[in-house]
Protein backbone atom coordinates (compact mmCIF):
# COMPACT_ATOMS: atom_id res chain seq x y z
CA MET A 1 -134.53 -87.48 -32.72
CA SER A 2 -134.74 -90.28 -30.21
CA SER A 3 -136.23 -90.46 -26.35
CA SER A 4 -133.71 -88.63 -24.53
CA VAL A 5 -136.04 -88.15 -21.31
CA SER A 6 -134.66 -90.13 -18.21
CA ASN A 7 -137.13 -92.57 -16.25
CA TRP A 8 -136.16 -90.72 -13.28
CA LEU A 9 -137.15 -87.09 -14.72
CA ARG A 10 -140.63 -89.47 -15.63
CA ILE A 11 -140.83 -89.94 -12.10
CA LEU A 12 -140.16 -86.85 -10.43
CA LEU A 13 -142.50 -85.41 -13.00
CA LEU A 14 -145.05 -87.88 -12.25
CA ILE A 15 -144.71 -87.07 -8.44
CA LEU A 16 -144.77 -83.32 -8.60
CA SER A 17 -148.08 -83.53 -10.82
CA ILE A 18 -149.81 -85.46 -8.21
CA PHE A 19 -148.83 -82.74 -5.48
CA SER A 20 -149.59 -79.79 -7.69
CA PHE A 21 -153.22 -80.71 -7.77
CA ARG A 22 -153.57 -80.76 -3.80
CA PRO A 23 -153.76 -77.39 -2.98
CA GLN A 24 -156.95 -76.90 -5.00
CA LEU A 25 -158.56 -80.04 -4.03
CA HIS A 26 -157.80 -79.08 -0.17
CA ARG A 27 -159.20 -75.47 -1.24
CA LEU A 28 -162.75 -76.73 -2.00
CA HIS A 29 -162.88 -79.20 0.70
CA GLN A 30 -162.08 -76.92 3.06
CA ILE A 31 -164.83 -74.35 1.85
CA GLY A 32 -167.13 -76.61 0.71
CA ASP A 33 -168.27 -74.20 -2.07
CA SER A 34 -167.23 -74.26 -5.68
CA THR A 35 -168.68 -70.82 -6.34
CA GLY A 36 -165.82 -68.91 -8.08
CA VAL A 37 -164.50 -72.12 -9.88
CA SER A 38 -166.51 -72.55 -13.45
CA LEU A 39 -167.93 -75.87 -13.87
CA ALA A 40 -166.92 -75.57 -17.64
CA TYR A 41 -163.60 -74.65 -16.96
CA LEU A 42 -163.13 -77.77 -14.87
CA LEU A 43 -164.47 -79.96 -17.85
CA CYS A 44 -162.87 -78.93 -20.51
CA ASN A 45 -159.59 -79.83 -18.22
CA VAL A 46 -161.10 -83.11 -17.55
CA ILE A 47 -162.32 -83.72 -21.41
CA SER A 48 -158.84 -82.55 -22.36
CA ALA A 49 -156.83 -85.18 -19.90
CA THR A 50 -159.63 -88.05 -20.66
CA GLU A 51 -158.88 -87.57 -24.62
CA GLN A 52 -155.09 -87.83 -23.78
CA LEU A 53 -155.61 -90.93 -21.55
CA THR A 54 -157.41 -92.40 -24.54
CA ILE A 55 -155.16 -91.93 -27.22
CA SER A 56 -152.22 -92.74 -24.69
CA PHE A 57 -154.39 -95.96 -23.91
CA CYS A 58 -154.78 -97.04 -27.80
CA TYR A 59 -151.18 -96.73 -28.41
CA MET A 60 -150.13 -98.84 -25.48
CA PHE A 61 -152.55 -101.51 -26.07
CA ASN A 62 -153.48 -101.84 -29.39
CA THR A 63 -149.86 -101.82 -31.53
CA GLN A 64 -148.16 -104.47 -33.25
CA SER A 65 -145.34 -102.57 -33.76
CA SER A 66 -142.61 -99.91 -32.32
CA ASP A 67 -143.86 -96.28 -33.08
CA PRO A 68 -143.04 -92.94 -32.39
CA PHE A 69 -144.98 -93.00 -28.90
CA VAL A 70 -144.48 -96.68 -27.75
CA HIS A 71 -142.32 -99.56 -28.08
CA ASN A 72 -143.02 -102.84 -28.72
CA PRO A 73 -143.25 -104.31 -26.13
CA PRO A 74 -143.45 -101.20 -24.16
CA ASN A 75 -140.73 -100.57 -21.65
CA ALA A 76 -140.40 -98.78 -18.43
CA GLY A 77 -140.88 -94.99 -20.07
CA ASP A 78 -143.54 -96.12 -21.63
CA TRP A 79 -145.25 -97.42 -18.90
CA LEU A 80 -144.48 -94.26 -16.95
CA ASN A 81 -145.46 -91.85 -19.87
CA PHE A 82 -149.00 -94.10 -19.46
CA LEU A 83 -148.92 -93.67 -15.68
CA GLN A 84 -148.55 -89.65 -16.09
CA PHE A 85 -151.40 -89.82 -18.32
CA THR A 86 -153.48 -92.24 -15.84
CA VAL A 87 -152.61 -89.75 -13.09
CA THR A 88 -153.37 -86.65 -14.62
CA TRP A 89 -156.66 -87.86 -15.55
CA GLY A 90 -157.65 -89.17 -12.44
CA LEU A 91 -156.82 -86.44 -10.29
CA SER A 92 -158.80 -83.83 -12.99
CA SER A 93 -161.43 -86.00 -12.60
CA THR A 94 -161.29 -86.07 -8.77
CA LEU A 95 -161.03 -81.92 -9.13
CA PHE A 96 -163.77 -81.92 -11.50
CA LEU A 97 -166.24 -83.96 -9.18
CA PHE A 98 -165.24 -81.79 -6.32
CA GLY A 99 -166.68 -79.01 -8.31
CA VAL A 100 -169.67 -80.66 -9.23
CA PHE A 101 -170.59 -81.94 -5.28
CA TYR A 102 -169.91 -78.37 -4.10
CA SER A 103 -171.59 -76.81 -6.83
CA PRO A 104 -174.68 -74.54 -5.63
CA ALA A 105 -176.32 -74.25 -9.11
CA ARG A 106 -177.99 -76.84 -11.29
CA LEU A 107 -175.31 -76.59 -13.83
CA GLY A 108 -173.31 -79.40 -11.80
CA ARG A 109 -175.81 -82.14 -13.16
CA THR A 110 -175.48 -80.95 -16.87
CA ALA A 111 -171.76 -80.70 -16.74
CA PHE A 112 -171.34 -84.18 -15.31
CA ILE A 113 -173.49 -85.74 -17.75
CA VAL A 114 -171.48 -84.44 -20.35
CA ASP A 115 -168.44 -85.81 -19.20
CA ILE A 116 -169.75 -88.99 -18.71
CA THR A 117 -170.80 -89.04 -22.43
CA PHE A 118 -167.26 -88.01 -23.47
CA LEU A 119 -165.66 -90.57 -21.49
CA SER A 120 -168.26 -93.27 -22.83
CA LEU A 121 -167.59 -92.36 -26.17
CA SER A 122 -163.58 -92.00 -25.69
CA LEU A 123 -161.55 -93.99 -22.78
CA LEU A 124 -164.53 -96.76 -22.31
CA ALA A 125 -164.71 -97.59 -25.73
CA ALA A 126 -160.88 -97.96 -26.26
CA ILE A 127 -161.04 -100.08 -23.07
CA LEU A 128 -164.03 -102.41 -24.64
CA TYR A 129 -162.31 -102.66 -27.87
CA VAL A 130 -159.10 -104.10 -26.38
CA LEU A 131 -161.67 -106.38 -23.69
CA ALA A 132 -163.46 -107.73 -27.06
CA ASN A 133 -160.46 -108.31 -28.78
CA PHE A 134 -158.81 -110.21 -26.07
CA CYS A 135 -156.04 -107.58 -25.03
CA GLY A 136 -155.08 -106.70 -28.65
CA ALA A 137 -154.58 -110.43 -29.57
CA ASN A 138 -156.80 -110.18 -32.74
CA TYR A 139 -155.76 -106.48 -33.61
CA GLY A 140 -154.47 -107.56 -37.03
CA SER A 141 -158.15 -108.68 -38.02
CA GLN A 142 -159.34 -105.82 -36.61
CA ASP A 143 -157.17 -103.38 -38.03
CA TRP A 144 -159.49 -101.30 -40.14
CA GLU A 145 -161.60 -100.52 -36.74
CA TYR A 146 -158.76 -99.70 -34.81
CA SER A 147 -157.08 -97.39 -37.33
CA ILE A 148 -160.82 -95.43 -37.89
CA PHE A 149 -161.12 -95.23 -34.15
CA ILE A 150 -157.67 -93.85 -33.40
CA GLY A 151 -157.21 -91.39 -36.53
CA SER A 152 -160.78 -89.82 -35.87
CA HIS A 153 -159.07 -88.79 -32.47
CA LEU A 154 -155.79 -87.60 -33.94
CA ILE A 155 -157.32 -86.13 -36.88
CA PHE A 156 -160.66 -84.60 -35.56
CA VAL A 157 -161.48 -84.98 -31.67
CA ASN A 158 -157.84 -84.10 -30.44
CA PRO A 159 -157.70 -80.43 -32.11
CA VAL A 160 -161.03 -79.90 -30.94
CA VAL A 161 -160.13 -80.92 -27.37
CA THR A 162 -157.06 -78.68 -27.35
CA LEU A 163 -159.76 -76.03 -28.57
CA LEU A 164 -161.50 -76.63 -25.43
CA ALA A 165 -158.65 -76.50 -23.11
CA ILE A 166 -158.31 -73.17 -24.52
CA ALA A 167 -161.69 -72.02 -23.99
CA ALA A 168 -161.15 -73.05 -20.37
CA LEU A 169 -159.24 -69.59 -19.69
CA PRO A 170 -162.30 -67.24 -20.66
CA ALA A 171 -164.70 -69.31 -19.01
CA GLN A 172 -162.89 -69.03 -15.50
CA LEU A 173 -162.46 -65.62 -16.31
CA ARG A 174 -165.78 -64.72 -16.23
CA GLU A 175 -166.58 -66.83 -13.01
CA LEU A 176 -163.61 -64.80 -11.70
CA LYS A 177 -165.48 -61.52 -12.52
CA ARG A 178 -168.71 -62.81 -11.07
CA HIS A 179 -168.14 -64.60 -8.09
CA GLY A 180 -164.49 -63.31 -6.84
CA HIS A 181 -161.25 -65.65 -6.05
CA ALA A 182 -161.64 -67.06 -2.93
CA ALA A 183 -162.08 -70.71 -4.46
CA LEU A 184 -158.90 -70.82 -6.38
CA SER A 185 -155.98 -71.55 -4.90
CA LEU A 186 -152.66 -69.48 -5.80
CA THR A 187 -150.51 -72.18 -4.84
CA GLY A 188 -151.97 -74.84 -6.87
CA LEU A 189 -152.03 -72.70 -9.97
CA ALA A 190 -148.30 -71.52 -9.55
CA SER A 191 -147.12 -74.87 -9.17
CA GLN A 192 -149.35 -76.53 -11.94
CA ALA A 193 -148.16 -73.59 -14.38
CA VAL A 194 -144.26 -74.50 -13.55
CA ILE A 195 -144.78 -77.92 -13.33
CA PHE A 196 -147.38 -78.79 -16.36
CA THR A 197 -144.94 -76.35 -18.29
CA VAL A 198 -141.87 -78.80 -17.93
CA ILE A 199 -144.14 -82.01 -18.78
CA GLY A 200 -145.59 -80.20 -21.99
CA LEU A 201 -141.61 -79.62 -22.87
CA SER A 202 -140.53 -82.98 -21.58
CA TRP A 203 -143.16 -84.43 -24.23
CA VAL A 204 -141.29 -82.84 -27.19
CA TYR A 205 -138.29 -85.35 -26.27
CA ARG A 206 -140.18 -88.32 -24.89
CA ALA A 207 -141.23 -89.33 -28.41
CA ARG A 208 -138.69 -91.38 -30.76
CA LEU A 209 -138.54 -88.93 -34.05
CA ASP A 210 -136.56 -89.36 -36.88
CA TYR A 211 -136.23 -85.91 -37.94
CA ASN A 212 -134.53 -82.70 -36.05
CA MET A 213 -137.42 -80.53 -33.66
CA SER A 214 -136.58 -77.52 -36.14
CA ASP A 215 -138.03 -79.45 -38.97
CA VAL A 216 -141.39 -79.39 -37.36
CA PHE A 217 -141.88 -75.82 -37.21
CA ARG A 218 -140.52 -75.29 -40.93
CA THR A 219 -144.11 -75.60 -42.67
CA TRP A 220 -147.25 -75.62 -41.13
CA GLY A 221 -148.22 -78.89 -42.92
CA SER A 222 -144.86 -80.63 -41.30
CA PHE A 223 -145.98 -79.09 -37.86
CA THR A 224 -149.66 -80.38 -38.23
CA SER A 225 -148.36 -83.66 -38.46
CA TRP A 226 -146.18 -83.87 -35.76
CA TYR A 227 -149.11 -82.57 -33.88
CA GLN A 228 -151.69 -85.44 -34.77
CA LEU A 229 -148.47 -88.38 -34.16
CA VAL A 230 -147.27 -87.25 -31.29
CA GLY A 231 -147.31 -83.21 -30.66
CA TRP A 232 -150.60 -83.40 -28.93
CA ALA A 233 -149.45 -84.40 -25.69
CA ALA A 234 -146.73 -81.75 -25.61
CA VAL A 235 -149.23 -79.09 -27.19
CA ASP A 236 -152.26 -80.00 -24.81
CA HIS A 237 -149.73 -80.03 -21.76
CA LEU A 238 -148.65 -76.63 -22.39
CA VAL A 239 -151.94 -75.07 -23.35
CA PHE A 240 -152.63 -76.24 -19.56
CA ALA A 241 -149.66 -74.76 -18.24
CA VAL A 242 -150.50 -71.39 -19.87
CA VAL A 243 -154.03 -71.30 -18.74
CA GLN A 244 -153.26 -71.73 -15.45
CA GLY A 245 -149.98 -69.14 -15.44
CA ILE A 246 -152.64 -66.78 -16.82
CA LEU A 247 -155.39 -67.62 -13.94
CA PHE A 248 -152.37 -67.06 -11.13
CA PHE A 249 -151.08 -63.74 -12.40
CA VAL A 250 -154.77 -62.52 -12.42
CA VAL A 251 -155.93 -63.97 -9.13
CA LEU A 252 -152.47 -62.55 -7.97
CA GLY A 253 -153.35 -59.17 -8.95
CA LYS A 254 -156.70 -59.10 -7.83
CA LYS A 255 -155.60 -60.11 -4.23
CA ARG A 256 -152.99 -57.01 -4.27
CA THR A 257 -155.69 -55.07 -5.26
CA VAL A 258 -157.83 -56.08 -2.22
CA THR A 259 -154.48 -55.52 0.13
CA ALA A 260 -154.13 -52.30 -1.13
CA LYS A 261 -157.64 -51.02 -0.91
CA ARG A 262 -157.58 -52.54 2.60
CA GLY A 263 -154.69 -50.74 3.42
CA GLU A 264 -155.91 -47.12 2.26
């Protein structure tokens, strides 16, 4: 299966994803208090975005031949894919920093340290590797180092990060139970649920595969191979979308309950 997503759709989804972060950023800036938004929830999301950008960066700047994820040299679609990861990471990081800055608890410092530590061991490490090897010019002589780094992320780190993205949901649900929903933007949750669902589904078709998608789900082994090679992009985006969608319906239900009680 070849890549069948047009660049215009990639651009549209990129723009929509940017706007999807605005409501929640505006809400936190407006109220000046992130109580009600779990720092663990924000941290899990930014770690997931960091891991996705790290793997994408490795594919973009360390490959010597075309693979299912990126052409050699990268074409416009590959750069738009990379930009999508970069923008999502940048906005997720901004939202996380808003949460830390507006947090009245000392937990913000701990969450910030965890984020910086993971960033240093993943994305910054990948960037330093490329710079140390003249932007990939000496990749051939350092093949084993690159293989260990990218292999460890694809096989070990990213599956754990996907689980963390799922764990963001109970973390935020606990926060809602304690402090209510005033700090969460319904518009932001709804828009991200819809937009990132489309982005996640588009990643199924952005990669170039030599077999049909029906083969991916035939056995657990084939699904695992697909997930480790290219499917992580689709899975991680869809996990984020589902979490946002569930939170949207939970918050919507709480708001309707409050409105009904006021009307009695």
